[in-house]
N, C-alpha and C. Protein backbone atom coordinates (compact mmCIF):
# COMPACT_ATOMS: atom_id res chain seq x y z
N MET A 1 0.59 -1.18 0.19
CA MET A 1 0.26 0.00 0.11
C MET A 1 1.21 1.13 0.29
N SER A 2 1.00 2.27 -1.01
CA SER A 2 1.71 3.58 -0.95
C SER A 2 1.27 4.53 0.08
N ASP A 3 2.08 5.10 0.97
CA ASP A 3 2.00 5.91 1.93
C ASP A 3 1.23 7.41 1.70
N VAL A 4 0.36 7.03 2.09
CA VAL A 4 -0.55 8.86 1.62
C VAL A 4 0.13 10.05 2.39
N PHE A 5 0.78 9.69 3.16
CA PHE A 5 2.24 11.02 3.87
C PHE A 5 2.98 11.22 3.47
N ALA A 6 3.42 10.07 2.43
CA ALA A 6 4.96 10.10 1.63
C ALA A 6 5.13 12.10 0.97
N LYS A 7 5.83 12.37 0.99
CA LYS A 7 6.29 13.70 0.85
C LYS A 7 6.82 13.32 -0.95
N ASN A 8 6.34 14.72 -2.00
CA ASN A 8 6.83 14.16 -2.92
C ASN A 8 8.37 14.69 -3.58
N VAL A 9 8.48 13.41 -3.71
CA VAL A 9 10.35 12.98 -3.73
C VAL A 9 11.05 13.28 -5.01
N ALA A 10 11.91 14.20 -4.95
CA ALA A 10 12.20 14.35 -6.26
C ALA A 10 13.92 15.03 -5.91
N THR A 11 14.83 14.43 -6.64
CA THR A 11 16.12 14.52 -6.56
C THR A 11 16.88 15.53 -7.15
N SER A 12 16.35 16.31 -8.47
CA SER A 12 16.83 17.34 -8.56
C SER A 12 15.73 18.20 -9.28
N ALA A 13 16.21 19.14 -9.52
CA ALA A 13 15.10 20.38 -10.24
C ALA A 13 14.62 19.77 -11.33
N GLU A 14 14.79 19.03 -12.27
CA GLU A 14 13.84 18.81 -12.99
C GLU A 14 13.02 17.59 -12.89
N GLU A 15 13.31 16.63 -11.79
CA GLU A 15 11.83 15.82 -11.34
C GLU A 15 11.29 16.43 -10.56
N ALA A 16 11.59 17.38 -9.78
CA ALA A 16 10.46 18.07 -9.48
C ALA A 16 9.45 19.15 -9.95
N ALA A 17 10.03 19.45 -11.25
CA ALA A 17 9.14 20.01 -12.15
C ALA A 17 8.50 19.50 -12.90
N ASN A 18 8.37 18.09 -12.38
CA ASN A 18 7.20 17.24 -13.15
C ASN A 18 5.95 16.48 -12.21
N ILE A 19 6.32 17.20 -10.75
CA ILE A 19 5.41 16.41 -9.69
C ILE A 19 4.25 17.68 -9.87
N VAL A 20 3.04 17.05 -9.17
CA VAL A 20 1.91 17.45 -9.57
C VAL A 20 1.60 18.21 -7.99
N PRO A 21 1.58 19.29 -7.36
CA PRO A 21 1.96 19.42 -6.11
C PRO A 21 0.48 19.76 -5.05
N ARG A 22 0.30 19.59 -4.44
CA ARG A 22 -0.70 19.40 -3.33
C ARG A 22 -0.86 21.42 -2.70
N ALA A 23 -2.54 21.44 -2.60
CA ALA A 23 -2.64 22.54 -2.40
C ALA A 23 -2.51 22.53 -0.88
N GLU A 24 -2.51 23.56 0.79
CA GLU A 24 -2.38 22.76 1.92
C GLU A 24 -3.42 24.05 2.25
N PHE A 25 -3.70 23.83 3.47
CA PHE A 25 -3.90 24.78 4.64
C PHE A 25 -3.47 24.12 5.81
N ARG A 26 -2.88 25.25 6.51
CA ARG A 26 -2.44 25.03 7.71
C ARG A 26 -2.32 26.20 8.61
N VAL A 27 -2.53 25.57 9.67
CA VAL A 27 -3.00 26.83 10.72
C VAL A 27 -1.60 26.41 12.07
N PHE A 28 -2.02 27.64 12.95
CA PHE A 28 -0.93 28.24 13.92
C PHE A 28 -1.36 28.31 14.88
N GLY A 29 -1.22 28.11 16.16
CA GLY A 29 -1.41 28.73 17.72
C GLY A 29 -1.63 28.05 18.35
N HIS A 30 -2.55 28.19 19.67
CA HIS A 30 -2.68 27.51 20.43
C HIS A 30 -4.09 27.12 21.18
N GLY A 31 -4.31 25.74 21.57
CA GLY A 31 -5.63 24.81 21.62
C GLY A 31 -5.98 24.24 20.40
N ILE A 32 -5.00 24.35 19.38
CA ILE A 32 -5.75 23.77 17.55
C ILE A 32 -5.57 22.67 17.84
N ILE A 33 -4.57 21.67 18.59
CA ILE A 33 -4.93 20.20 18.64
C ILE A 33 -6.00 19.77 19.65
N ASP A 34 -7.01 20.62 20.46
CA ASP A 34 -7.71 20.23 21.02
C ASP A 34 -9.36 20.00 20.37
N ILE A 35 -8.97 21.23 19.01
CA ILE A 35 -10.06 21.60 18.37
C ILE A 35 -10.17 20.52 17.57
N VAL A 36 -9.10 20.18 17.06
CA VAL A 36 -8.79 19.18 16.18
C VAL A 36 -9.74 17.78 16.80
N LYS A 37 -8.98 17.24 17.73
CA LYS A 37 -9.35 16.14 18.31
C LYS A 37 -10.77 16.17 18.67
N LYS A 38 -11.09 17.21 19.21
CA LYS A 38 -12.84 17.43 19.15
C LYS A 38 -13.92 16.81 17.96
N ASN A 39 -12.94 17.30 16.86
CA ASN A 39 -14.44 17.18 15.89
C ASN A 39 -13.73 16.18 14.45
N MET A 40 -12.37 15.35 14.43
CA MET A 40 -12.05 14.93 13.94
C MET A 40 -12.59 12.95 13.56
N TRP A 41 -12.79 13.20 14.94
CA TRP A 41 -14.41 11.26 15.19
C TRP A 41 -15.37 11.56 14.75
N SER A 42 -16.02 12.45 14.84
CA SER A 42 -17.30 12.37 14.09
C SER A 42 -17.10 13.12 12.64
N CYS A 43 -15.96 13.66 11.73
CA CYS A 43 -15.84 13.23 10.77
C CYS A 43 -15.44 12.09 9.82
N GLY A 44 -15.48 11.16 10.70
CA GLY A 44 -14.55 9.64 10.34
C GLY A 44 -12.97 9.92 10.04
N ALA A 45 -12.67 10.25 10.80
CA ALA A 45 -11.35 9.95 10.64
C ALA A 45 -10.50 8.37 10.82
N VAL A 46 -9.22 8.69 10.06
CA VAL A 46 -8.89 7.25 10.03
C VAL A 46 -7.73 7.41 10.70
N LEU A 47 -6.75 6.57 11.46
CA LEU A 47 -5.65 7.43 11.93
C LEU A 47 -4.41 6.24 11.13
N HIS A 48 -3.70 7.21 10.83
CA HIS A 48 -2.07 6.64 10.37
C HIS A 48 -1.00 7.10 11.06
N LYS A 49 -0.35 7.71 11.98
CA LYS A 49 0.73 6.83 12.17
C LYS A 49 1.31 9.06 13.02
N ALA A 50 2.12 8.14 14.19
CA ALA A 50 2.59 9.91 14.85
C ALA A 50 4.20 9.56 14.77
N ARG A 51 4.54 10.78 14.25
CA ARG A 51 6.12 10.67 13.71
C ARG A 51 6.58 12.00 14.38
N LYS A 52 7.82 11.34 15.13
CA LYS A 52 8.94 12.52 15.74
C LYS A 52 9.73 12.93 14.51
N MET A 53 9.51 13.75 13.91
CA MET A 53 10.51 14.39 12.74
C MET A 53 11.81 14.82 13.55
N PRO A 54 13.45 14.16 12.54
CA PRO A 54 14.11 14.81 12.94
C PRO A 54 14.09 16.43 12.38
N ALA A 55 15.61 17.08 13.83
CA ALA A 55 15.40 18.94 13.99
C ALA A 55 16.01 19.11 12.07
N GLU A 56 14.84 19.94 12.02
CA GLU A 56 14.95 20.66 10.63
C GLU A 56 15.64 22.25 10.66
N THR A 57 16.91 22.93 9.96
CA THR A 57 16.88 23.92 10.06
C THR A 57 16.32 24.71 8.57
N TYR A 58 15.01 25.59 8.66
CA TYR A 58 14.42 26.32 8.08
C TYR A 58 15.12 27.58 7.72
N PHE A 59 15.74 28.28 5.97
CA PHE A 59 15.97 29.35 6.17
C PHE A 59 14.84 30.78 5.50
N LEU A 60 14.94 31.53 6.44
CA LEU A 60 14.16 32.59 6.54
C LEU A 60 14.77 33.70 5.75
N SER A 61 13.74 34.20 4.85
CA SER A 61 14.25 35.35 4.15
C SER A 61 13.51 36.85 4.71
N ALA A 62 13.61 38.23 4.93
CA ALA A 62 12.82 39.11 5.01
C ALA A 62 12.71 39.99 3.88
N HIS A 63 12.22 38.94 2.73
CA HIS A 63 11.91 39.16 1.81
C HIS A 63 10.73 38.82 0.93
N THR A 64 10.81 37.90 1.35
CA THR A 64 9.67 36.43 0.65
C THR A 64 9.25 35.13 1.64
N SER A 65 8.06 35.11 1.91
CA SER A 65 7.66 33.89 2.62
C SER A 65 6.90 32.66 1.44
N GLU A 66 7.75 33.03 -0.14
CA GLU A 66 6.80 31.91 -0.25
C GLU A 66 8.24 31.01 -1.15
N ALA A 67 9.10 31.28 -0.53
CA ALA A 67 10.30 30.39 -0.78
C ALA A 67 11.12 29.58 0.72
N ASN A 68 10.50 28.21 0.27
CA ASN A 68 10.70 27.21 1.55
C ASN A 68 11.63 26.65 1.47
N VAL A 69 12.36 27.22 2.19
CA VAL A 69 14.55 26.19 1.81
C VAL A 69 14.85 25.69 3.06
N LYS A 70 14.93 24.64 3.49
CA LYS A 70 15.50 23.92 4.74
C LYS A 70 16.24 22.86 4.36
N VAL A 71 16.71 22.56 5.68
CA VAL A 71 18.10 21.29 5.19
C VAL A 71 17.01 20.29 6.21
N ARG A 72 16.40 19.13 5.53
CA ARG A 72 16.40 17.64 6.08
C ARG A 72 16.99 16.96 5.59
N ASP A 73 16.93 16.18 6.16
CA ASP A 73 18.26 14.43 5.82
C ASP A 73 19.38 14.96 5.95
N GLY A 74 19.44 16.01 5.93
CA GLY A 74 21.09 16.37 5.36
C GLY A 74 21.26 17.10 3.87
N LEU A 75 19.73 17.29 3.61
CA LEU A 75 19.67 17.47 1.72
C LEU A 75 18.98 18.92 2.30
N LEU A 76 19.75 19.96 1.06
CA LEU A 76 18.74 21.54 0.99
C LEU A 76 17.59 21.44 0.27
N ASP A 77 16.75 20.98 0.46
CA ASP A 77 15.29 20.90 0.52
C ASP A 77 14.69 21.99 -0.16
N ILE A 78 14.23 22.42 -1.67
CA ILE A 78 13.30 23.71 -1.93
C ILE A 78 12.27 23.95 -2.54
N LYS A 79 11.09 24.53 -2.14
CA LYS A 79 10.05 24.86 -2.71
C LYS A 79 9.23 25.88 -2.63
N THR A 80 9.04 26.70 -3.69
CA THR A 80 8.82 27.63 -3.91
C THR A 80 6.70 27.89 -4.27
N LYS A 81 6.42 28.67 -3.56
CA LYS A 81 5.03 28.97 -4.27
C LYS A 81 4.21 29.35 -5.46
N VAL A 82 3.43 28.65 -6.11
CA VAL A 82 3.04 28.96 -6.90
C VAL A 82 1.92 29.08 -7.69
N GLY A 83 1.52 29.66 -6.55
CA GLY A 83 -0.40 30.09 -6.53
C GLY A 83 -1.03 29.57 -5.53
N GLU A 84 -2.64 30.40 -5.49
CA GLU A 84 -3.27 29.54 -4.53
C GLU A 84 -4.63 28.80 -5.33
N THR A 85 -5.36 28.14 -4.55
CA THR A 85 -6.47 27.56 -5.67
C THR A 85 -7.95 29.12 -5.03
N PRO A 86 -9.09 28.83 -5.31
CA PRO A 86 -9.95 29.64 -5.81
C PRO A 86 -10.41 29.99 -3.49
N GLU A 87 -9.99 28.94 -2.70
CA GLU A 87 -10.49 28.80 -1.98
C GLU A 87 -9.49 29.35 -0.68
N GLY A 88 -7.74 30.11 -1.16
CA GLY A 88 -7.20 30.77 -0.57
C GLY A 88 -6.23 29.74 -0.39
N TYR A 89 -6.15 28.22 -0.76
CA TYR A 89 -5.10 27.01 -0.58
C TYR A 89 -4.17 27.67 -1.36
N GLU A 90 -3.08 26.96 -0.48
CA GLU A 90 -1.62 27.54 -1.19
C GLU A 90 -0.99 26.20 -1.83
N ILE A 91 -0.08 26.52 -2.90
CA ILE A 91 0.18 25.76 -4.04
C ILE A 91 1.88 25.95 -3.63
N PHE A 92 3.03 25.09 -2.98
CA PHE A 92 4.27 25.86 -3.35
C PHE A 92 4.69 24.49 -4.31
N GLN A 93 5.82 24.18 -5.44
CA GLN A 93 5.74 23.14 -6.44
C GLN A 93 7.74 23.52 -5.44
N PRO A 94 7.87 21.92 -5.23
CA PRO A 94 9.21 21.03 -5.39
C PRO A 94 9.70 21.72 -6.34
N ARG A 95 11.06 21.72 -6.24
CA ARG A 95 12.24 22.81 -6.96
C ARG A 95 13.13 21.74 -6.85
N GLY A 96 13.44 20.26 -6.05
CA GLY A 96 14.38 19.67 -5.67
C GLY A 96 14.93 19.77 -4.55
N LYS A 97 16.10 18.81 -4.72
CA LYS A 97 17.28 18.75 -2.96
C LYS A 97 18.77 18.10 -3.60
N PHE A 98 18.86 19.19 -2.66
CA PHE A 98 20.42 19.67 -3.18
C PHE A 98 21.70 18.77 -2.15
N GLN A 99 22.11 18.06 -3.08
CA GLN A 99 23.57 17.04 -1.66
C GLN A 99 24.25 18.41 -1.83
N PHE A 100 24.56 18.40 -0.26
CA PHE A 100 25.75 18.90 0.16
C PHE A 100 27.06 18.27 -0.52
N PRO A 101 28.39 18.82 -0.87
CA PRO A 101 28.28 20.55 -0.96
C PRO A 101 27.14 20.71 -1.49
N VAL A 102 26.63 22.08 -1.54
CA VAL A 102 26.08 22.50 -3.11
C VAL A 102 26.77 22.83 -3.90
N PRO A 103 26.94 23.15 -5.42
CA PRO A 103 27.92 24.00 -6.26
C PRO A 103 27.25 25.39 -5.96
N LYS A 104 27.90 26.70 -6.76
CA LYS A 104 27.89 28.00 -5.88
C LYS A 104 26.88 28.14 -7.19
N ALA A 105 26.40 27.57 -8.36
CA ALA A 105 25.13 27.61 -9.45
C ALA A 105 24.25 27.86 -8.71
N ASP A 106 24.20 26.60 -7.90
CA ASP A 106 22.41 26.37 -7.25
C ASP A 106 22.59 27.04 -6.31
N LEU A 107 23.26 27.56 -5.52
CA LEU A 107 23.35 28.10 -4.30
C LEU A 107 22.85 29.16 -4.96
N ALA A 108 23.09 30.05 -5.93
CA ALA A 108 22.80 31.16 -6.18
C ALA A 108 21.58 31.27 -7.14
N VAL A 109 21.44 30.07 -7.28
CA VAL A 109 19.54 30.40 -7.63
C VAL A 109 18.46 30.19 -6.84
N ILE A 110 18.19 28.90 -5.18
CA ILE A 110 18.17 28.89 -4.31
C ILE A 110 17.76 30.96 -3.61
N LEU A 111 19.32 31.58 -3.84
CA LEU A 111 18.98 32.75 -2.72
C LEU A 111 18.18 33.48 -4.00
N SER A 112 18.33 33.11 -5.10
CA SER A 112 17.39 34.29 -6.15
C SER A 112 15.99 34.32 -5.38
N HIS A 113 15.37 32.53 -5.77
CA HIS A 113 14.25 32.64 -4.78
C HIS A 113 13.99 33.21 -3.08
N LEU A 114 14.96 33.15 -2.39
CA LEU A 114 14.96 33.82 -1.24
C LEU A 114 15.31 35.23 -1.38
N LYS A 115 15.19 36.20 -2.68
CA LYS A 115 15.78 37.18 -2.75
C LYS A 115 16.25 37.97 -2.27
N THR A 116 17.21 37.08 -1.76
CA THR A 116 18.17 38.01 -0.76
C THR A 116 20.23 37.35 -1.80
N GLU A 117 20.90 38.21 -2.06
CA GLU A 117 22.22 38.64 -2.49
C GLU A 117 23.10 38.13 -1.59
N MET A 118 23.95 37.58 -2.03
CA MET A 118 25.16 37.03 -0.56
C MET A 118 26.54 36.34 -1.67
N THR A 119 27.81 37.18 -1.67
CA THR A 119 28.69 36.88 -2.28
C THR A 119 29.28 35.73 -1.46
N LEU A 120 28.80 35.01 -3.16
CA LEU A 120 29.75 33.37 -3.52
C LEU A 120 31.08 33.40 -4.38
N ASP A 121 32.06 33.39 -3.13
CA ASP A 121 33.46 33.17 -3.69
C ASP A 121 34.42 32.09 -3.44
N LYS A 122 33.49 30.43 -3.41
CA LYS A 122 33.90 29.22 -3.45
C LYS A 122 32.82 28.51 -4.62
N ASP A 123 33.93 27.90 -5.04
CA ASP A 123 32.59 26.75 -6.28
C ASP A 123 31.70 26.13 -5.37
N SER A 124 31.93 25.90 -4.19
CA SER A 124 30.71 24.82 -3.63
C SER A 124 30.90 25.08 -1.24
N TYR A 125 29.48 24.95 -1.00
CA TYR A 125 29.48 25.07 0.26
C TYR A 125 28.84 23.98 0.60
N GLY A 126 29.79 23.61 1.90
CA GLY A 126 29.22 22.78 2.86
C GLY A 126 27.99 23.29 3.96
N VAL A 127 27.21 22.20 4.39
CA VAL A 127 25.85 22.52 5.12
C VAL A 127 26.44 23.30 6.17
N ASP A 128 27.42 23.39 7.20
CA ASP A 128 28.19 24.16 8.37
C ASP A 128 27.77 25.68 7.33
N GLU A 129 28.94 25.71 6.42
CA GLU A 129 29.11 27.05 5.74
C GLU A 129 27.92 27.83 5.65
N PHE A 130 26.92 27.05 4.69
CA PHE A 130 25.84 27.85 4.33
C PHE A 130 25.06 28.44 5.66
N ILE A 131 24.62 27.33 6.56
CA ILE A 131 24.02 28.41 8.01
C ILE A 131 25.08 28.85 8.44
N ASP A 132 25.95 29.42 8.43
CA ASP A 132 26.92 30.30 9.41
C ASP A 132 26.90 31.75 8.76
N MET A 133 26.40 31.20 7.05
CA MET A 133 26.87 32.51 6.24
C MET A 133 25.13 32.90 6.17
N VAL A 134 23.90 32.37 6.48
CA VAL A 134 22.85 32.97 6.54
C VAL A 134 22.25 33.66 8.23
N ARG A 135 22.88 33.13 9.29
CA ARG A 135 22.87 33.84 10.75
C ARG A 135 23.74 34.79 10.59
N LYS A 136 24.77 34.92 10.01
CA LYS A 136 25.22 36.42 9.17
C LYS A 136 24.51 37.25 9.10
N HIS A 137 23.95 36.76 7.98
CA HIS A 137 23.41 37.77 6.97
C HIS A 137 22.17 38.92 7.34
N PRO A 138 22.49 40.22 7.37
CA PRO A 138 20.91 40.97 8.27
C PRO A 138 19.65 40.53 8.12
N ASP A 139 18.97 40.19 6.33
CA ASP A 139 18.14 40.28 6.00
C ASP A 139 17.38 38.41 6.00
N MET A 140 18.61 37.54 6.88
CA MET A 140 18.62 36.10 6.77
C MET A 140 18.52 35.73 8.54
N ALA A 141 17.50 34.66 8.33
CA ALA A 141 17.52 33.97 9.86
C ALA A 141 17.67 32.39 9.71
N ALA A 142 18.65 31.41 10.52
CA ALA A 142 18.58 29.94 10.56
C ALA A 142 17.66 29.32 11.53
N VAL A 143 15.97 28.81 11.27
CA VAL A 143 15.65 28.32 12.61
C VAL A 143 15.60 27.11 12.70
N THR A 144 16.02 26.47 13.66
CA THR A 144 15.82 25.07 14.11
C THR A 144 14.30 24.73 14.34
N VAL A 145 14.29 23.89 13.64
CA VAL A 145 12.03 23.63 13.09
C VAL A 145 11.93 21.48 13.96
N GLU A 146 11.73 21.43 15.12
CA GLU A 146 11.03 20.01 15.61
C GLU A 146 9.43 19.53 15.00
N LYS A 147 9.37 19.05 15.25
CA LYS A 147 8.05 18.39 14.87
C LYS A 147 7.85 17.35 15.61
N MET A 148 6.40 17.12 16.12
CA MET A 148 5.45 15.90 16.63
C MET A 148 4.45 15.88 15.99
N ARG A 149 4.39 14.90 14.47
CA ARG A 149 3.26 15.04 13.85
C ARG A 149 2.35 13.44 13.65
N TYR A 150 0.96 14.15 13.74
CA TYR A 150 0.08 12.67 14.00
C TYR A 150 -0.82 13.30 12.90
N GLY A 151 -0.61 11.93 12.14
CA GLY A 151 -1.17 12.29 10.82
C GLY A 151 -2.36 11.05 10.76
N PHE A 152 -3.91 12.06 9.78
CA PHE A 152 -4.81 10.72 9.78
C PHE A 152 -5.69 11.41 8.49
N THR A 153 -6.28 11.30 7.81
CA THR A 153 -6.92 10.86 6.97
C THR A 153 -8.37 11.39 6.83
N VAL A 154 -9.38 12.45 6.30
CA VAL A 154 -10.37 12.58 6.35
C VAL A 154 -11.11 12.56 4.64
N ASP A 155 -12.11 11.27 4.37
CA ASP A 155 -12.29 11.34 3.07
C ASP A 155 -11.01 11.36 2.02
N GLY A 156 -9.96 10.33 2.56
CA GLY A 156 -9.21 10.42 1.45
C GLY A 156 -7.82 12.02 1.68
N ILE A 157 -8.32 12.13 1.88
CA ILE A 157 -8.04 14.14 2.75
C ILE A 157 -6.36 14.05 3.66
N ILE A 158 -5.40 13.57 3.67
CA ILE A 158 -4.09 14.07 4.41
C ILE A 158 -4.76 15.14 5.12
N CYS A 159 -4.11 14.65 6.15
CA CYS A 159 -4.57 16.15 7.28
C CYS A 159 -3.37 15.77 8.45
N GLU A 160 -2.96 16.33 9.16
CA GLU A 160 -2.36 16.12 10.61
C GLU A 160 -3.03 16.94 11.44
N TYR A 161 -1.89 17.05 12.90
CA TYR A 161 -2.06 17.98 13.66
C TYR A 161 -0.54 17.58 14.60
N ALA A 162 -0.08 18.65 14.85
CA ALA A 162 1.55 18.32 15.18
C ALA A 162 1.31 19.60 16.66
N GLN A 163 3.15 19.39 17.10
CA GLN A 163 3.14 19.81 18.11
C GLN A 163 4.75 20.45 16.96
N VAL A 164 5.41 21.73 17.36
CA VAL A 164 6.08 22.44 16.62
C VAL A 164 7.07 23.21 17.20
N TRP A 165 8.30 22.90 18.06
CA TRP A 165 8.98 23.76 18.05
C TRP A 165 9.67 24.91 17.31
N PHE A 166 9.95 26.37 16.97
CA PHE A 166 10.99 26.75 16.55
C PHE A 166 11.99 27.56 17.62
N ASN A 167 13.06 27.16 17.47
CA ASN A 167 13.98 27.24 18.17
C ASN A 167 13.52 27.43 19.68
N GLY A 168 13.00 25.89 19.95
CA GLY A 168 12.04 25.47 21.23
C GLY A 168 11.31 26.34 21.87
N ALA A 169 10.77 27.08 20.81
CA ALA A 169 9.35 27.16 21.36
C ALA A 169 8.41 26.80 20.75
N LEU A 170 7.78 26.19 21.74
CA LEU A 170 6.47 25.39 20.94
C LEU A 170 5.60 26.21 20.67
N MET A 171 4.72 25.28 19.33
CA MET A 171 3.25 25.94 18.92
C MET A 171 2.52 24.56 19.06
N GLU A 172 1.19 24.82 18.72
CA GLU A 172 0.43 23.67 17.89
C GLU A 172 0.25 24.48 16.31
N SER A 173 0.21 23.09 15.60
CA SER A 173 -0.41 22.80 14.30
C SER A 173 -1.67 22.51 13.54
N ALA A 174 -2.11 22.64 12.76
CA ALA A 174 -3.08 21.34 12.39
C ALA A 174 -2.89 21.76 10.79
N CYS A 175 -3.35 20.65 9.62
CA CYS A 175 -2.52 20.89 8.15
C CYS A 175 -4.01 20.12 7.86
N CYS A 176 -4.38 20.82 6.37
CA CYS A 176 -4.88 19.19 5.74
C CYS A 176 -4.37 19.52 3.81
N GLU A 177 -3.73 18.67 3.52
CA GLU A 177 -3.25 19.59 2.13
C GLU A 177 -3.70 18.10 1.24
N SER A 178 -4.23 18.31 -0.19
CA SER A 178 -4.15 17.18 -1.41
C SER A 178 -4.28 17.80 -2.10
N GLU A 179 -4.57 17.28 -4.34
CA GLU A 179 -4.84 17.72 -5.28
C GLU A 179 -6.89 18.16 -5.29
N ASN A 180 -7.64 17.50 -4.17
CA ASN A 180 -8.44 17.76 -4.61
C ASN A 180 -9.31 18.84 -3.05
N TYR A 181 -9.17 19.97 -3.97
CA TYR A 181 -9.29 21.34 -3.32
C TYR A 181 -11.04 21.03 -2.59
N GLN A 182 -11.86 21.04 -3.72
CA GLN A 182 -13.47 20.85 -2.65
C GLN A 182 -13.27 19.94 -1.46
N GLY A 183 -13.11 18.84 -1.71
CA GLY A 183 -12.41 17.98 -0.49
C GLY A 183 -12.17 18.52 0.48
N MET A 184 -11.52 19.34 0.43
CA MET A 184 -10.21 20.21 1.22
C MET A 184 -10.95 21.06 1.69
N GLN A 185 -12.29 22.02 1.89
CA GLN A 185 -12.77 22.62 1.83
C GLN A 185 -13.84 22.05 3.14
N LYS A 186 -14.25 21.55 2.43
CA LYS A 186 -15.60 20.25 3.52
C LYS A 186 -14.92 20.12 4.38
N VAL A 187 -13.46 19.27 4.72
CA VAL A 187 -12.87 18.57 5.90
C VAL A 187 -12.26 20.11 6.65
N VAL A 188 -11.85 20.86 6.60
CA VAL A 188 -11.50 22.14 6.74
C VAL A 188 -12.45 22.74 7.82
N ALA A 189 -13.53 22.42 7.03
CA ALA A 189 -15.00 22.98 7.76
C ALA A 189 -15.05 21.93 9.08
N ALA A 190 -15.14 21.20 8.69
CA ALA A 190 -15.36 19.45 9.96
C ALA A 190 -14.78 19.58 10.95
N LEU A 191 -13.40 19.72 10.84
CA LEU A 191 -12.42 20.43 11.54
C LEU A 191 -12.44 21.51 12.29
N GLY A 192 -12.96 22.46 12.31
CA GLY A 192 -13.27 23.07 12.95
C GLY A 192 -12.13 24.27 12.71
N LEU A 193 -11.46 24.51 11.41
CA LEU A 193 -10.77 25.49 11.25
C LEU A 193 -10.81 26.88 10.22
N THR A 194 -11.99 26.31 10.02
CA THR A 194 -12.39 27.35 8.54
C THR A 194 -11.76 28.79 9.08
N GLU A 195 -12.12 29.53 10.60
CA GLU A 195 -12.06 30.77 10.68
C GLU A 195 -10.59 31.09 11.21
N LEU A 196 -9.73 29.60 11.05
CA LEU A 196 -8.45 30.32 11.51
C LEU A 196 -7.66 30.55 10.43
N PRO A 197 -6.60 31.35 10.45
CA PRO A 197 -5.99 32.21 9.03
C PRO A 197 -5.07 30.67 8.56
N ASN A 198 -4.99 30.70 7.52
CA ASN A 198 -3.82 29.88 7.13
C ASN A 198 -2.60 30.68 6.84
N THR A 199 -1.42 30.01 7.70
CA THR A 199 -0.40 30.13 7.86
C THR A 199 0.86 29.06 7.53
N ASN A 200 1.55 29.44 6.95
CA ASN A 200 2.28 27.67 6.17
C ASN A 200 3.89 28.80 6.89
N TYR A 201 4.66 27.67 7.51
CA TYR A 201 5.24 27.09 8.26
C TYR A 201 6.67 28.40 8.01
N LEU A 202 6.74 29.10 6.71
CA LEU A 202 7.84 30.40 6.92
C LEU A 202 6.91 31.54 8.00
N LYS A 203 5.97 32.17 7.37
CA LYS A 203 4.92 33.00 8.17
C LYS A 203 5.23 32.63 10.01
N ALA A 204 4.52 31.46 9.98
CA ALA A 204 4.75 31.40 11.78
C ALA A 204 6.38 31.18 12.12
N ALA A 205 7.11 30.93 11.51
CA ALA A 205 8.63 30.91 11.87
C ALA A 205 8.96 32.12 11.86
N ARG A 206 8.50 33.26 11.03
CA ARG A 206 8.73 34.48 11.21
C ARG A 206 8.34 34.92 12.36
N ARG A 207 7.03 34.80 12.33
CA ARG A 207 6.36 35.73 13.85
C ARG A 207 7.45 35.31 15.38
N VAL A 208 7.82 34.10 15.14
CA VAL A 208 8.44 33.11 16.36
C VAL A 208 9.69 34.23 16.24
N VAL A 209 10.54 34.44 15.46
CA VAL A 209 12.11 34.94 15.98
C VAL A 209 11.74 36.04 15.23
N GLY A 210 10.65 37.01 15.42
CA GLY A 210 10.53 38.41 15.02
C GLY A 210 11.20 38.68 13.99
N MET A 211 10.35 38.40 12.86
CA MET A 211 10.94 38.76 11.38
C MET A 211 9.96 39.41 10.72
N CYS A 212 9.23 40.34 10.91
CA CYS A 212 7.85 40.62 10.07
C CYS A 212 7.89 41.61 9.05
């Protein structure tokens, strides 16, 4: 059986361009998990699995919240926002996963998505080098993100609630994602999340670290 929670996987920009991206509705705050737990059973939730994720490093830019760049499992992973559904759900397109050391040309493209300039005077950069460069940049921040995720589905729509730590600061989150936008809208309503603002990881992290 295929894992509906498996993330879209691509190891190159060319492969990533061929992936059909899911739309996502995500909320952050406090008390969100109680709201989801209260409503999930009445709408026929099917439990999947809880996952303690390895720590990730997100790279934030003061100039955009539409380029999701992070280190996950030792790879530099990038997705960019390519649109929104009529319902206001965000669509992020995978742009590839890059092995460290990352060549200067690839890093320059990634920085262009972040709308940030850096002096790149080496042929390639290791993970610690890049994190250090980001931390020293006045318009960027490197944020450690840890997640405890609880996955379930409702009518085939992928959902989760989660505890998320941004540099150690705890937030609660919930999410629905799918290519079925109308189905998502019904599930978001059934879980009691419609009135909460759609907030992606980048926006939530920026608020926590004071990058407004």
